[in-house]
Amino acid sequence: MNTIAWQQSRSLGFSYTKAGIILTSLVLILMAVGIWAVGVGAVSISFKEVGCILLNELGWVNTHFSEQQALILTVIRLPRVLMGMLVGAVLGITGASMQGLFRNPLADPGLIGISSGASLFAVGMIVLELKVIQELNGLAGLYGMSFVAFFGACLTTILVYQLSKVEGKAVVTTMLLAGIAVNALSGAITGLMTYMANDAQLRTIQFWGLGSLGGASWDALKVATPLCLVPLVFVPRLGKALNAFALGESQAEHLGINPVRLKNQVIVLTTLGVGVSVALCGAIGFVGLIIPHIIRLLTGADHRLVLPASALLGAIVLTLADLVSRTIVAPAELPIGIVTAMLGTPVFIWILIKNRNQ
């Protein structure tokens, strides 16, 4: 088995030195982008002032900044930037894992109903204002929307998974078709509820449906971080298995991989990460679709590198997209889903044109 894995690594052109250089470079870029993002806004905060504020929070007394700057950075911008990094990393790595599972570069987490299920239940909470949901919202406080949206993501994913089973085993192609059907049904019901909504509800639905990091806070990070860290930690460990799975299910079994367990792991981890992300920040498109494409163009197809690199690049891209969304029409805020779509669509079209003859 070790010989097979070694030969597979060579065939994919895997180099630990190259991987280390790429991942280290992405980490450094992410740190630079994060420091830049927390300093840009209506109140400008220089790099030196950012450092002084952070050191002051750690106990190093420093006065080379104003109290207003400290409050804006620590209460508003820092949790928002950290949330963007966290959600971007989850969307990037789960997009890469779904493309590996389906062996299809057009796959993304929304393909199996995660995003549409979360949106459906969130819109239902906004429009129908059911008594049960109102009580749930009161019980869960500010996290009522998040809880309901996450529950919807889990429910639709379970439905797709059950529909895809043939003789007790989930079939990837059937899962794809079931996901299309469930997405269509969820979209139709969501459209019906949107039609029933009043003006105030429509504004809420539109802004939430296009995604926003405006609700980021330290409390939200306390909820999101432990849940999002689960896929960020465990999905990269599936890199070798996804490499074998790319050869086909029967070949993967000969290499000692359990395809059923691999499918279950990818689906559960993706549902957890994307469900929480959509629940807290709304539906943010194109990140899980485009980021793995870019990484594969830069590094090759080995999932041992593609998965962690997709997480880092996803964090970078979403942090930059959020920076654009909150500054381009200031003092208003542009939904981040519009920014990611405007950035992602040209890249996706370029990739299609580049690879259409292959």
Protein backbone atom coordinates (compact mmCIF):
# COMPACT_ATOMS: atom_id res chain seq x y z
CA MET A 1 0.00 0.00 0.00
CA ASN A 2 2.88 2.39 0.80
CA THR A 3 4.45 1.59 -2.58
CA ILE A 4 1.18 2.29 -4.37
CA ALA A 5 0.73 5.60 -2.54
CA TRP A 6 4.34 6.56 -3.36
CA GLN A 7 3.89 5.75 -7.04
CA GLN A 8 0.61 7.66 -7.09
CA SER A 9 2.36 10.68 -5.55
CA ARG A 10 5.01 10.60 -8.26
CA SER A 11 2.43 10.25 -11.05
CA LEU A 12 0.61 13.32 -9.78
CA GLY A 13 3.85 15.29 -9.62
CA PHE A 14 3.56 15.77 -5.86
CA SER A 15 6.51 17.46 -4.17
CA TYR A 16 6.57 18.23 -0.47
CA THR A 17 9.01 21.07 -1.09
CA LYS A 18 6.76 22.61 -3.72
CA ALA A 19 3.71 22.11 -1.50
CA GLY A 20 5.45 23.79 1.43
CA ILE A 21 6.43 26.78 -0.68
CA ILE A 22 2.91 27.18 -2.09
CA LEU A 23 1.14 26.84 1.27
CA THR A 24 3.62 29.14 3.03
CA SER A 25 3.17 31.77 0.31
CA LEU A 26 -0.62 31.58 0.62
CA VAL A 27 -0.42 31.92 4.42
CA LEU A 28 1.77 35.03 4.10
CA ILE A 29 -0.58 36.53 1.49
CA LEU A 30 -3.56 35.81 3.74
CA MET A 31 -1.89 37.56 6.69
CA ALA A 32 -1.05 40.59 4.53
CA VAL A 33 -4.57 40.77 3.12
CA GLY A 34 -6.06 40.49 6.62
CA ILE A 35 -3.93 43.33 8.00
CA TRP A 36 -4.78 45.48 4.97
CA ALA A 37 -8.50 44.73 5.23
CA VAL A 38 -8.82 45.72 8.90
CA GLY A 39 -7.19 49.08 8.17
CA VAL A 40 -9.35 50.12 5.19
CA GLY A 41 -12.70 51.84 5.64
CA ALA A 42 -14.39 55.13 6.47
CA VAL A 43 -11.90 55.53 9.32
CA SER A 44 -8.43 54.74 8.03
CA ILE A 45 -6.08 52.78 10.28
CA SER A 46 -2.45 52.50 9.21
CA PHE A 47 -0.40 49.31 9.42
CA LYS A 48 1.52 50.70 12.40
CA GLU A 49 -1.70 51.66 14.19
CA VAL A 50 -3.16 48.20 13.56
CA GLY A 51 -0.09 46.66 15.16
CA CYS A 52 -0.24 49.03 18.12
CA ILE A 53 -3.93 48.30 18.75
CA LEU A 54 -3.41 44.54 18.60
CA LEU A 55 -0.39 44.74 20.92
CA ASN A 56 -2.41 46.89 23.31
CA GLU A 57 -5.15 44.25 23.37
CA LEU A 58 -2.51 41.67 24.28
CA GLY A 59 -1.36 43.76 27.23
CA TRP A 60 1.41 45.86 25.70
CA VAL A 61 0.41 49.40 26.69
CA ASN A 62 0.57 51.67 23.65
CA THR A 63 -1.08 55.01 22.87
CA HIS A 64 -0.18 55.57 19.19
CA PHE A 65 -3.83 55.36 18.14
CA SER A 66 -7.19 56.89 18.97
CA GLU A 67 -9.92 55.24 21.02
CA GLN A 68 -12.25 55.43 17.99
CA GLN A 69 -9.74 53.50 15.87
CA ALA A 70 -9.37 50.84 18.56
CA LEU A 71 -13.14 50.35 18.86
CA ILE A 72 -13.67 50.17 15.10
CA LEU A 73 -10.88 47.63 14.65
CA THR A 74 -11.64 45.35 17.59
CA VAL A 75 -15.45 45.48 17.57
CA ILE A 76 -16.31 45.80 13.86
CA ARG A 77 -13.52 45.08 11.41
CA LEU A 78 -11.48 42.36 13.09
CA PRO A 79 -14.37 39.94 13.70
CA ARG A 80 -15.65 40.65 10.19
CA VAL A 81 -12.30 39.91 8.57
CA LEU A 82 -11.86 36.76 10.66
CA MET A 83 -15.37 35.61 9.72
CA GLY A 84 -14.57 36.22 6.05
CA MET A 85 -11.39 34.16 6.33
CA LEU A 86 -13.20 31.35 8.12
CA VAL A 87 -16.14 31.18 5.71
CA GLY A 88 -13.92 31.58 2.64
CA ALA A 89 -11.68 28.74 3.82
CA VAL A 90 -14.67 26.46 4.39
CA LEU A 91 -16.23 27.25 1.00
CA GLY A 92 -12.91 26.71 -0.78
CA ILE A 93 -12.01 23.39 0.83
CA THR A 94 -15.52 21.93 0.64
CA GLY A 95 -15.80 22.95 -3.01
CA ALA A 96 -12.57 21.11 -3.75
CA SER A 97 -13.73 18.02 -1.85
CA MET A 98 -17.09 17.96 -3.67
CA GLN A 99 -15.38 18.24 -7.05
CA GLY A 100 -13.14 15.35 -6.02
CA LEU A 101 -16.11 13.27 -4.86
CA PHE A 102 -18.17 13.85 -8.03
CA ARG A 103 -15.04 13.75 -10.22
CA ASN A 104 -16.52 16.81 -11.87
CA PRO A 105 -14.90 20.28 -11.96
CA LEU A 106 -18.37 21.89 -12.16
CA ALA A 107 -19.48 20.48 -8.80
CA ASP A 108 -19.81 22.67 -5.72
CA PRO A 109 -21.44 22.32 -2.28
CA GLY A 110 -24.71 23.75 -3.53
CA LEU A 111 -25.04 20.81 -5.89
CA ILE A 112 -26.49 18.53 -3.20
CA GLY A 113 -28.95 21.06 -1.83
CA ILE A 114 -27.00 22.54 1.08
CA SER A 115 -27.34 26.20 0.09
CA SER A 116 -30.87 25.88 -1.27
CA GLY A 117 -32.07 24.07 1.86
CA ALA A 118 -30.58 26.70 4.13
CA SER A 119 -32.11 29.49 2.02
CA LEU A 120 -35.52 27.82 1.96
CA PHE A 121 -35.78 27.50 5.73
CA ALA A 122 -34.39 30.99 6.33
CA VAL A 123 -36.87 32.55 3.91
CA GLY A 124 -39.63 30.54 5.57
CA MET A 125 -38.63 31.99 8.91
CA ILE A 126 -38.72 35.52 7.51
CA VAL A 127 -41.97 35.27 5.54
CA LEU A 128 -44.25 32.82 7.32
CA GLU A 129 -43.40 34.01 10.84
CA LEU A 130 -44.66 30.76 12.28
CA LYS A 131 -45.31 30.67 16.01
CA VAL A 132 -42.93 27.75 16.48
CA ILE A 133 -40.17 29.60 14.66
CA GLN A 134 -40.83 32.76 16.64
CA GLU A 135 -40.46 30.81 19.85
CA LEU A 136 -37.28 29.25 18.51
CA ASN A 137 -35.97 32.67 17.63
CA GLY A 138 -36.67 33.89 21.11
CA LEU A 139 -34.96 30.85 22.59
CA ALA A 140 -31.91 31.05 20.40
CA GLY A 141 -31.70 34.85 20.45
CA LEU A 142 -29.68 36.24 17.59
CA TYR A 143 -28.94 32.73 16.33
CA GLY A 144 -32.52 31.80 15.46
CA MET A 145 -31.94 32.39 11.75
CA SER A 146 -28.64 30.50 11.85
CA PHE A 147 -30.15 27.50 13.61
CA VAL A 148 -33.10 27.23 11.23
CA ALA A 149 -30.94 27.68 8.12
CA PHE A 150 -28.47 25.05 9.30
CA PHE A 151 -31.32 22.65 10.03
CA GLY A 152 -32.64 23.21 6.48
CA ALA A 153 -29.21 22.48 5.01
CA CYS A 154 -28.96 19.22 6.94
CA LEU A 155 -32.50 18.15 6.05
CA THR A 156 -32.13 18.68 2.30
CA THR A 157 -28.73 16.99 2.27
CA ILE A 158 -30.15 13.93 4.05
CA LEU A 159 -33.02 13.85 1.54
CA VAL A 160 -30.62 13.95 -1.42
CA TYR A 161 -28.45 11.27 0.13
CA GLN A 162 -31.40 8.94 0.74
CA LEU A 163 -32.72 9.45 -2.79
CA SER A 164 -29.30 8.59 -4.23
CA LYS A 165 -29.13 5.15 -2.60
CA VAL A 166 -29.28 2.14 -4.91
CA GLU A 167 -29.30 -1.23 -3.12
CA GLY A 168 -28.21 0.51 0.07
CA LYS A 169 -25.27 2.37 -1.49
CA ALA A 170 -25.16 6.02 -2.49
CA VAL A 171 -24.45 6.40 -6.21
CA VAL A 172 -22.67 9.63 -7.16
CA THR A 173 -24.50 10.12 -10.47
CA THR A 174 -27.87 9.53 -8.82
CA MET A 175 -26.88 11.95 -6.05
CA LEU A 176 -26.19 14.57 -8.70
CA LEU A 177 -29.64 14.12 -10.25
CA ALA A 178 -31.33 14.07 -6.84
CA GLY A 179 -29.49 17.28 -5.93
CA ILE A 180 -30.73 18.99 -9.09
CA ALA A 181 -34.30 17.94 -8.30
CA VAL A 182 -34.16 19.04 -4.65
CA ASN A 183 -32.51 22.34 -5.62
CA ALA A 184 -35.28 23.00 -8.15
CA LEU A 185 -38.00 22.20 -5.61
CA SER A 186 -36.35 24.33 -2.91
CA GLY A 187 -35.97 27.20 -5.38
CA ALA A 188 -39.62 26.99 -6.39
CA ILE A 189 -40.87 27.04 -2.78
CA THR A 190 -38.46 29.86 -1.94
CA GLY A 191 -39.79 31.82 -4.94
CA LEU A 192 -43.35 31.26 -3.78
CA MET A 193 -42.52 32.55 -0.30
CA THR A 194 -40.73 35.53 -1.79
CA TYR A 195 -43.87 36.30 -3.81
CA MET A 196 -45.84 36.28 -0.54
CA ALA A 197 -43.42 38.60 1.27
CA ASN A 198 -44.04 42.27 2.00
CA ASP A 199 -41.58 45.05 1.17
CA ALA A 200 -39.64 44.86 4.44
CA GLN A 201 -39.36 41.09 4.20
CA LEU A 202 -38.24 41.32 0.56
CA ARG A 203 -35.34 43.57 1.50
CA THR A 204 -34.25 41.15 4.22
CA ILE A 205 -34.57 38.14 1.89
CA GLN A 206 -32.66 39.84 -0.92
CA PHE A 207 -29.76 40.98 1.25
CA TRP A 208 -29.50 37.67 3.12
CA GLY A 209 -29.85 35.62 -0.07
CA LEU A 210 -26.92 37.42 -1.71
CA GLY A 211 -24.70 37.02 1.33
CA SER A 212 -23.19 39.48 3.78
CA LEU A 213 -20.56 39.52 6.50
CA GLY A 214 -22.20 42.56 8.08
CA GLY A 215 -23.54 40.49 10.97
CA ALA A 216 -20.10 39.23 11.99
CA SER A 217 -19.31 39.62 15.68
CA TRP A 218 -17.22 37.93 18.34
CA ASP A 219 -20.31 36.04 19.51
CA ALA A 220 -20.96 34.78 15.97
CA LEU A 221 -17.33 33.71 15.69
CA LYS A 222 -17.66 31.72 18.91
CA VAL A 223 -20.45 29.75 17.26
CA ALA A 224 -18.89 29.44 13.81
CA THR A 225 -15.26 28.71 14.67
CA PRO A 226 -15.55 25.30 16.36
CA LEU A 227 -18.06 24.06 13.77
CA CYS A 228 -16.08 25.31 10.77
CA LEU A 229 -12.79 24.00 12.14
CA VAL A 230 -14.13 20.44 11.93
CA PRO A 231 -14.12 20.33 8.08
CA LEU A 232 -10.99 22.49 7.91
CA VAL A 233 -9.13 19.93 10.03
CA PHE A 234 -10.57 16.66 8.74
CA VAL A 235 -11.18 17.28 5.01
CA PRO A 236 -7.43 17.59 4.18
CA ARG A 237 -6.96 14.13 5.67
CA LEU A 238 -9.10 12.75 2.84
CA GLY A 239 -6.64 13.88 0.17
CA LYS A 240 -5.12 10.45 -0.53
CA ALA A 241 -8.53 8.80 -0.56
CA LEU A 242 -9.87 11.36 -3.06
CA ASN A 243 -6.80 10.79 -5.26
CA ALA A 244 -7.63 7.09 -5.36
CA PHE A 245 -11.35 7.79 -5.84
CA ALA A 246 -10.51 9.83 -8.95
CA LEU A 247 -9.52 6.54 -10.63
CA GLY A 248 -13.03 5.14 -10.08
CA GLU A 249 -14.83 3.40 -7.22
CA SER A 250 -13.66 -0.12 -8.08
CA GLN A 251 -10.04 0.99 -8.44
CA ALA A 252 -10.29 2.87 -5.15
CA GLU A 253 -11.48 -0.30 -3.42
CA HIS A 254 -8.49 -2.22 -4.81
CA LEU A 255 -6.25 0.48 -3.30
CA GLY A 256 -7.81 -0.08 0.13
CA ILE A 257 -10.26 2.85 0.09
CA ASN A 258 -13.84 2.39 1.31
CA PRO A 259 -15.92 4.46 -1.18
CA VAL A 260 -19.04 4.41 1.02
CA ARG A 261 -17.19 5.74 4.03
CA LEU A 262 -15.44 8.36 1.88
CA LYS A 263 -18.76 9.61 0.48
CA ASN A 264 -20.26 9.80 3.97
CA GLN A 265 -17.28 11.70 5.33
CA VAL A 266 -17.21 14.25 2.50
CA ILE A 267 -20.97 14.85 2.61
CA VAL A 268 -21.15 15.19 6.42
CA LEU A 269 -18.14 17.51 6.62
CA THR A 270 -19.36 19.62 3.68
CA THR A 271 -22.86 19.92 5.12
CA LEU A 272 -21.50 20.98 8.48
CA GLY A 273 -19.13 23.62 7.11
CA VAL A 274 -21.29 25.09 4.36
CA GLY A 275 -24.49 24.84 6.41
CA VAL A 276 -22.97 26.94 9.19
CA SER A 277 -21.45 29.39 6.69
CA VAL A 278 -24.73 29.92 4.82
CA ALA A 279 -26.62 30.15 8.10
CA LEU A 280 -24.41 32.95 9.44
CA CYS A 281 -23.52 34.85 6.27
CA GLY A 282 -26.13 33.90 3.67
CA ALA A 283 -25.57 32.28 0.30
CA ILE A 284 -22.19 33.24 -1.19
CA GLY A 285 -21.69 31.81 -4.65
CA PHE A 286 -18.75 30.97 -6.91
CA VAL A 287 -16.12 30.64 -4.16
CA GLY A 288 -16.48 26.86 -3.85
CA LEU A 289 -16.63 26.53 -7.64
CA ILE A 290 -13.81 28.79 -8.85
CA ILE A 291 -11.16 28.51 -6.12
CA PRO A 292 -10.36 24.79 -6.66
CA HIS A 293 -10.06 25.47 -10.42
CA ILE A 294 -7.46 28.17 -9.82
CA ILE A 295 -5.53 25.99 -7.37
CA ARG A 296 -5.44 23.04 -9.79
CA LEU A 297 -4.10 25.32 -12.54
CA LEU A 298 -1.32 26.43 -10.19
CA THR A 299 -0.47 23.22 -8.35
CA GLY A 300 -1.84 20.21 -10.23
CA ALA A 301 -4.58 17.76 -9.28
CA ASP A 302 -3.21 16.16 -6.11
CA HIS A 303 -5.87 16.62 -3.42
CA ARG A 304 -3.25 16.56 -0.66
CA LEU A 305 -2.23 20.00 -1.87
CA VAL A 306 -5.44 21.14 -3.57
CA LEU A 307 -7.54 20.87 -0.38
CA PRO A 308 -5.45 23.01 2.03
CA ALA A 309 -4.47 25.43 -0.75
CA SER A 310 -8.15 25.89 -1.68
CA ALA A 311 -8.92 26.75 1.94
CA LEU A 312 -6.21 29.41 2.05
CA LEU A 313 -7.06 30.93 -1.33
CA GLY A 314 -10.77 30.87 -0.47
CA ALA A 315 -10.01 32.84 2.69
CA ILE A 316 -7.96 35.36 0.71
CA VAL A 317 -10.55 35.84 -2.02
CA LEU A 318 -13.53 36.21 0.32
CA THR A 319 -11.65 38.69 2.52
CA LEU A 320 -10.86 40.80 -0.55
CA ALA A 321 -14.44 40.46 -1.83
CA ASP A 322 -15.80 41.68 1.50
CA LEU A 323 -13.38 44.60 1.44
CA VAL A 324 -14.79 45.59 -1.96
CA SER A 325 -18.39 45.07 -0.86
CA ARG A 326 -18.11 47.42 2.13
CA THR A 327 -16.07 50.17 0.46
CA ILE A 328 -17.13 50.40 -3.20
CA VAL A 329 -20.52 52.02 -2.44
CA ALA A 330 -19.72 53.39 1.03
CA PRO A 331 -21.43 54.31 3.31
CA ALA A 332 -23.84 51.68 1.92
CA GLU A 333 -22.82 48.02 1.56
CA LEU A 334 -22.99 45.87 -1.55
CA PRO A 335 -24.00 42.22 -0.91
CA ILE A 336 -20.88 40.11 -1.09
CA GLY A 337 -22.57 37.55 -3.35
CA ILE A 338 -22.72 40.17 -6.11
CA VAL A 339 -18.98 40.82 -5.76
CA THR A 340 -18.03 37.12 -5.84
CA ALA A 341 -20.26 36.55 -8.87
CA MET A 342 -18.76 39.52 -10.73
CA LEU A 343 -15.24 38.31 -9.92
CA GLY A 344 -15.93 34.62 -10.41
CA THR A 345 -17.90 34.62 -13.66
CA PRO A 346 -15.11 36.06 -15.89
CA VAL A 347 -12.61 33.65 -14.34
CA PHE A 348 -14.95 30.71 -14.93
CA ILE A 349 -15.60 31.72 -18.56
CA TRP A 350 -11.84 32.06 -19.10
CA ILE A 351 -11.28 28.56 -17.69
CA LEU A 352 -14.01 27.14 -19.97
CA ILE A 353 -12.49 28.79 -23.06
CA LYS A 354 -9.00 27.67 -22.09
CA ASN A 355 -10.01 24.03 -21.56
CA ARG A 356 -12.85 23.60 -24.08
CA ASN A 357 -10.71 21.54 -26.45
CA GLN A 358 -9.42 19.18 -23.76
